[in-house]
Amino acid sequence: MRRPNVLITGTPGVGKTTLGKELASRTGLSYVNVGDLAKEGELYEGFDEEYDCPILDEDKVIDELEDRMSEGGVVVDYHGCDFFPERWFHIVFVLRTENSFLYNRLENRGYTGKKLQDNIQCEIFQTLYEEAMLSYKKEIVHQLPSNTPEDLERNLDQIMQWIEQWMKDNN
């Protein structure tokens, strides 16, 4: 594997897609938004009426991505991470956003009621960070602030430096 696989995870609305697309654009890595992949391939096992969204078929997603991941050089963006094989990722970034920013972002997306409150609570209780810490080696899991455009640029710089170093060390 000549290029690393990177996972960007976190609560909906923290900026995973913005960061992931820009990172792929700047590094030449390929970008996979798991939500889009699932939509295109109809990788679902039902529909959640309470949250008004489809339920991901995790096994189908794994099958769909396995070959790409084994080649390396993939940035994966998804709000969950515990179902991905540990061997897939060389580094995991959990984006974190202050509640006031997150609330506005989710509200602008049309989130209301229980869906809005549950996602805010998910961020408050660091649910995705804990999931990542339990799913991967602790030394590859990193939290990054994702509140402002300046945070985005800092995160991009930091991740690109990490990728450059990984490629030097592994090629």
C-alpha atoms as a PDB file:
ATOM      1  CA  MET A   1       0.000   0.000   0.000  1.00  0.00           C
ATOM      2  CA  ARG A   2       1.651   3.197  -1.172  1.00  0.00           C
ATOM      3  CA  ARG A   3      -0.815   5.723   0.257  1.00  0.00           C
ATOM      4  CA  PRO A   4      -2.657   5.756   3.599  1.00  0.00           C
ATOM      5  CA  ASN A   5      -6.361   5.364   4.274  1.00  0.00           C
ATOM      6  CA  VAL A   6      -7.878   8.163   6.372  1.00  0.00           C
ATOM      7  CA  LEU A   7     -11.187   8.082   8.256  1.00  0.00           C
ATOM      8  CA  ILE A   8     -12.967  11.346   9.037  1.00  0.00           C
ATOM      9  CA  THR A   9     -15.820  10.832  11.469  1.00  0.00           C
ATOM     10  CA  GLY A  10     -17.952  12.835  13.888  1.00  0.00           C
ATOM     11  CA  THR A  11     -21.498  13.928  14.587  1.00  0.00           C
ATOM     12  CA  PRO A  12     -23.555  15.077  11.575  1.00  0.00           C
ATOM     13  CA  GLY A  13     -22.825  18.753  10.880  1.00  0.00           C
ATOM     14  CA  VAL A  14     -19.241  18.916  12.153  1.00  0.00           C
ATOM     15  CA  GLY A  15     -17.708  19.425   8.699  1.00  0.00           C
ATOM     16  CA  LYS A  16     -16.599  15.929   7.662  1.00  0.00           C
ATOM     17  CA  THR A  17     -17.631  16.302   4.028  1.00  0.00           C
ATOM     18  CA  THR A  18     -16.080  19.750   3.603  1.00  0.00           C
ATOM     19  CA  LEU A  19     -12.796  18.543   5.101  1.00  0.00           C
ATOM     20  CA  GLY A  20     -12.813  15.194   3.295  1.00  0.00           C
ATOM     21  CA  LYS A  21     -13.474  16.614  -0.168  1.00  0.00           C
ATOM     22  CA  GLU A  22     -10.868  19.355   0.244  1.00  0.00           C
ATOM     23  CA  LEU A  23      -8.305  16.899   1.633  1.00  0.00           C
ATOM     24  CA  ALA A  24      -8.811  14.558  -1.326  1.00  0.00           C
ATOM     25  CA  SER A  25      -8.574  17.479  -3.731  1.00  0.00           C
ATOM     26  CA  ARG A  26      -5.282  18.708  -2.238  1.00  0.00           C
ATOM     27  CA  THR A  27      -3.627  15.305  -1.817  1.00  0.00           C
ATOM     28  CA  GLY A  28      -4.896  13.307  -4.795  1.00  0.00           C
ATOM     29  CA  LEU A  29      -6.360  10.658  -2.492  1.00  0.00           C
ATOM     30  CA  SER A  30      -9.771   9.347  -3.481  1.00  0.00           C
ATOM     31  CA  TYR A  31     -12.792  10.452  -1.450  1.00  0.00           C
ATOM     32  CA  VAL A  32     -15.721   8.308  -0.326  1.00  0.00           C
ATOM     33  CA  ASN A  33     -18.782   9.759   1.380  1.00  0.00           C
ATOM     34  CA  VAL A  34     -20.411   6.622   2.796  1.00  0.00           C
ATOM     35  CA  GLY A  35     -23.861   8.255   2.804  1.00  0.00           C
ATOM     36  CA  ASP A  36     -23.581   9.018  -0.916  1.00  0.00           C
ATOM     37  CA  LEU A  37     -22.138   5.566  -1.637  1.00  0.00           C
ATOM     38  CA  ALA A  38     -25.094   3.966   0.157  1.00  0.00           C
ATOM     39  CA  LYS A  39     -27.571   6.126  -1.727  1.00  0.00           C
ATOM     40  CA  GLU A  40     -26.027   5.347  -5.133  1.00  0.00           C
ATOM     41  CA  GLY A  41     -25.777   1.598  -4.448  1.00  0.00           C
ATOM     42  CA  GLU A  42     -29.005   1.356  -2.403  1.00  0.00           C
ATOM     43  CA  LEU A  43     -26.991  -0.160   0.451  1.00  0.00           C
ATOM     44  CA  TYR A  44     -29.863  -0.028   2.945  1.00  0.00           C
ATOM     45  CA  GLU A  45     -31.706  -2.499   5.130  1.00  0.00           C
ATOM     46  CA  GLY A  46     -34.791  -0.423   5.893  1.00  0.00           C
ATOM     47  CA  PHE A  47     -36.041   3.014   6.874  1.00  0.00           C
ATOM     48  CA  ASP A  48     -36.069   4.699  10.292  1.00  0.00           C
ATOM     49  CA  GLU A  49     -39.397   6.518  10.595  1.00  0.00           C
ATOM     50  CA  GLU A  50     -38.414   8.285  13.825  1.00  0.00           C
ATOM     51  CA  TYR A  51     -35.330   9.911  12.278  1.00  0.00           C
ATOM     52  CA  ASP A  52     -36.781  10.035   8.757  1.00  0.00           C
ATOM     53  CA  CYS A  53     -33.765   8.409   7.145  1.00  0.00           C
ATOM     54  CA  PRO A  54     -32.689   5.089   5.599  1.00  0.00           C
ATOM     55  CA  ILE A  55     -30.891   2.470   7.706  1.00  0.00           C
ATOM     56  CA  LEU A  56     -27.429   1.625   6.396  1.00  0.00           C
ATOM     57  CA  ASP A  57     -26.661  -2.017   5.569  1.00  0.00           C
ATOM     58  CA  GLU A  58     -23.156  -2.057   7.036  1.00  0.00           C
ATOM     59  CA  ASP A  59     -22.225  -5.437   5.528  1.00  0.00           C
ATOM     60  CA  LYS A  60     -23.068  -4.225   2.021  1.00  0.00           C
ATOM     61  CA  VAL A  61     -20.975  -1.078   2.596  1.00  0.00           C
ATOM     62  CA  ILE A  62     -18.005  -3.198   3.716  1.00  0.00           C
ATOM     63  CA  ASP A  63     -18.355  -5.429   0.652  1.00  0.00           C
ATOM     64  CA  GLU A  64     -18.610  -2.398  -1.626  1.00  0.00           C
ATOM     65  CA  LEU A  65     -15.459  -0.745  -0.220  1.00  0.00           C
ATOM     66  CA  GLU A  66     -13.181  -3.719   0.501  1.00  0.00           C
ATOM     67  CA  ASP A  67     -11.170  -3.669  -2.753  1.00  0.00           C
ATOM     68  CA  ARG A  68     -10.693   0.115  -2.758  1.00  0.00           C
ATOM     69  CA  MET A  69      -9.565   0.126   0.856  1.00  0.00           C
ATOM     70  CA  SER A  70      -7.019  -2.662   0.315  1.00  0.00           C
ATOM     71  CA  GLU A  71      -5.378  -0.561  -2.437  1.00  0.00           C
ATOM     72  CA  GLY A  72      -4.955   2.445  -0.083  1.00  0.00           C
ATOM     73  CA  GLY A  73      -5.166   6.169  -0.698  1.00  0.00           C
ATOM     74  CA  VAL A  74      -8.792   6.604   0.388  1.00  0.00           C
ATOM     75  CA  VAL A  75     -10.404   9.295   2.543  1.00  0.00           C
ATOM     76  CA  VAL A  76     -13.624   7.920   4.070  1.00  0.00           C
ATOM     77  CA  ASP A  77     -16.268  10.244   5.524  1.00  0.00           C
ATOM     78  CA  TYR A  78     -19.036   8.887   7.753  1.00  0.00           C
ATOM     79  CA  HIS A  79     -20.700   9.688  11.075  1.00  0.00           C
ATOM     80  CA  GLY A  80     -20.205   6.179  12.411  1.00  0.00           C
ATOM     81  CA  CYS A  81     -17.051   4.104  12.529  1.00  0.00           C
ATOM     82  CA  ASP A  82     -17.457   0.995  14.675  1.00  0.00           C
ATOM     83  CA  PHE A  83     -18.434  -1.284  11.770  1.00  0.00           C
ATOM     84  CA  PHE A  84     -15.408  -0.557   9.553  1.00  0.00           C
ATOM     85  CA  PRO A  85     -12.600  -3.142   9.817  1.00  0.00           C
ATOM     86  CA  GLU A  86      -9.787  -1.837  12.010  1.00  0.00           C
ATOM     87  CA  ARG A  87      -7.217  -2.866   9.375  1.00  0.00           C
ATOM     88  CA  TRP A  88      -8.629  -0.365   6.871  1.00  0.00           C
ATOM     89  CA  PHE A  89      -7.383   2.863   8.460  1.00  0.00           C
ATOM     90  CA  HIS A  90      -3.953   4.251   9.217  1.00  0.00           C
ATOM     91  CA  ILE A  91      -5.377   7.281  11.005  1.00  0.00           C
ATOM     92  CA  VAL A  92      -8.777   8.411  12.294  1.00  0.00           C
ATOM     93  CA  PHE A  93      -9.855  12.019  12.771  1.00  0.00           C
ATOM     94  CA  VAL A  94     -12.904  12.813  14.888  1.00  0.00           C
ATOM     95  CA  LEU A  95     -14.158  16.331  14.186  1.00  0.00           C
ATOM     96  CA  ARG A  96     -15.620  18.202  17.147  1.00  0.00           C
ATOM     97  CA  THR A  97     -17.831  21.294  17.009  1.00  0.00           C
ATOM     98  CA  GLU A  98     -19.073  23.580  19.770  1.00  0.00           C
ATOM     99  CA  ASN A  99     -22.799  23.162  20.368  1.00  0.00           C
ATOM    100  CA  SER A 100     -23.835  26.663  19.311  1.00  0.00           C
ATOM    101  CA  PHE A 101     -22.185  26.203  15.894  1.00  0.00           C
ATOM    102  CA  LEU A 102     -23.492  22.662  15.540  1.00  0.00           C
ATOM    103  CA  TYR A 103     -27.039  23.569  16.505  1.00  0.00           C
ATOM    104  CA  ASN A 104     -27.170  26.258  13.800  1.00  0.00           C
ATOM    105  CA  ARG A 105     -25.673  23.962  11.159  1.00  0.00           C
ATOM    106  CA  LEU A 106     -28.144  21.172  11.883  1.00  0.00           C
ATOM    107  CA  GLU A 107     -31.089  23.551  12.083  1.00  0.00           C
ATOM    108  CA  ASN A 108     -30.078  24.957   8.670  1.00  0.00           C
ATOM    109  CA  ARG A 109     -30.167  21.381   7.327  1.00  0.00           C
ATOM    110  CA  GLY A 110     -33.749  21.056   8.509  1.00  0.00           C
ATOM    111  CA  TYR A 111     -33.080  18.941  11.588  1.00  0.00           C
ATOM    112  CA  THR A 112     -35.806  19.417  14.211  1.00  0.00           C
ATOM    113  CA  GLY A 113     -37.113  17.829  17.386  1.00  0.00           C
ATOM    114  CA  LYS A 114     -35.637  14.536  18.520  1.00  0.00           C
ATOM    115  CA  LYS A 115     -33.227  14.265  15.570  1.00  0.00           C
ATOM    116  CA  LEU A 116     -31.746  17.696  16.361  1.00  0.00           C
ATOM    117  CA  GLN A 117     -31.573  17.082  20.120  1.00  0.00           C
ATOM    118  CA  ASP A 118     -30.075  13.590  19.790  1.00  0.00           C
ATOM    119  CA  ASN A 119     -27.313  14.824  17.488  1.00  0.00           C
ATOM    120  CA  ILE A 120     -26.456  17.684  19.858  1.00  0.00           C
ATOM    121  CA  GLN A 121     -26.353  15.213  22.756  1.00  0.00           C
ATOM    122  CA  CYS A 122     -24.162  12.910  20.670  1.00  0.00           C
ATOM    123  CA  GLU A 123     -21.638  15.748  20.419  1.00  0.00           C
ATOM    124  CA  ILE A 124     -21.936  16.763  24.085  1.00  0.00           C
ATOM    125  CA  PHE A 125     -21.255  13.209  25.252  1.00  0.00           C
ATOM    126  CA  GLN A 126     -18.401  12.659  22.748  1.00  0.00           C
ATOM    127  CA  THR A 127     -20.213   9.596  21.421  1.00  0.00           C
ATOM    128  CA  LEU A 128     -18.303   9.378  18.132  1.00  0.00           C
ATOM    129  CA  TYR A 129     -14.933  10.004  19.789  1.00  0.00           C
ATOM    130  CA  GLU A 130     -15.592   7.199  22.263  1.00  0.00           C
ATOM    131  CA  GLU A 131     -16.755   4.934  19.426  1.00  0.00           C
ATOM    132  CA  ALA A 132     -13.514   5.623  17.547  1.00  0.00           C
ATOM    133  CA  MET A 133     -11.393   5.034  20.666  1.00  0.00           C
ATOM    134  CA  LEU A 134     -13.079   1.658  21.206  1.00  0.00           C
ATOM    135  CA  SER A 135     -12.843   0.667  17.524  1.00  0.00           C
ATOM    136  CA  TYR A 136      -9.225   1.567  16.684  1.00  0.00           C
ATOM    137  CA  LYS A 137      -5.836   1.716  18.342  1.00  0.00           C
ATOM    138  CA  LYS A 138      -5.878   4.782  20.579  1.00  0.00           C
ATOM    139  CA  GLU A 139      -2.678   6.176  19.049  1.00  0.00           C
ATOM    140  CA  ILE A 140      -4.281   6.572  15.606  1.00  0.00           C
ATOM    141  CA  VAL A 141      -7.414   8.414  16.838  1.00  0.00           C
ATOM    142  CA  HIS A 142      -7.232  12.222  16.970  1.00  0.00           C
ATOM    143  CA  GLN A 143      -9.814  14.904  17.787  1.00  0.00           C
ATOM    144  CA  LEU A 144      -9.806  18.101  15.736  1.00  0.00           C
ATOM    145  CA  PRO A 145     -11.813  21.289  16.393  1.00  0.00           C
ATOM    146  CA  SER A 146     -14.150  22.159  13.522  1.00  0.00           C
ATOM    147  CA  ASN A 147     -15.849  25.462  14.289  1.00  0.00           C
ATOM    148  CA  THR A 148     -14.389  28.041  11.893  1.00  0.00           C
ATOM    149  CA  PRO A 149     -12.816  28.326   8.430  1.00  0.00           C
ATOM    150  CA  GLU A 150      -9.485  28.807  10.248  1.00  0.00           C
ATOM    151  CA  ASP A 151      -9.973  25.438  11.973  1.00  0.00           C
ATOM    152  CA  LEU A 152     -10.595  23.860   8.563  1.00  0.00           C
ATOM    153  CA  GLU A 153      -7.335  25.232   7.167  1.00  0.00           C
ATOM    154  CA  ARG A 154      -5.359  24.181  10.254  1.00  0.00           C
ATOM    155  CA  ASN A 155      -6.857  20.689  10.071  1.00  0.00           C
ATOM    156  CA  LEU A 156      -6.054  20.385   6.374  1.00  0.00           C
ATOM    157  CA  ASP A 157      -2.447  21.468   6.972  1.00  0.00           C
ATOM    158  CA  GLN A 158      -2.049  19.052   9.880  1.00  0.00           C
ATOM    159  CA  ILE A 159      -3.521  16.068   8.019  1.00  0.00           C
ATOM    160  CA  MET A 160      -1.533  16.789   4.857  1.00  0.00           C
ATOM    161  CA  GLN A 161       1.686  16.886   6.911  1.00  0.00           C
ATOM    162  CA  TRP A 162       0.738  13.554   8.464  1.00  0.00           C
ATOM    163  CA  ILE A 163       0.065  12.032   4.999  1.00  0.00           C
ATOM    164  CA  GLU A 164       3.411  13.306   3.650  1.00  0.00           C
ATOM    165  CA  GLN A 165       5.242  11.812   6.629  1.00  0.00           C
ATOM    166  CA  TRP A 166       3.385   8.496   6.306  1.00  0.00           C
ATOM    167  CA  MET A 167       4.342   8.278   2.631  1.00  0.00           C
ATOM    168  CA  LYS A 168       8.016   9.004   3.427  1.00  0.00           C
ATOM    169  CA  ASP A 169       8.018   6.378   6.168  1.00  0.00           C
ATOM    170  CA  ASN A 170       6.193   3.696   4.162  1.00  0.00           C
ATOM    171  CA  ASN A 171       7.523   3.977   0.607  1.00  0.00           C
END
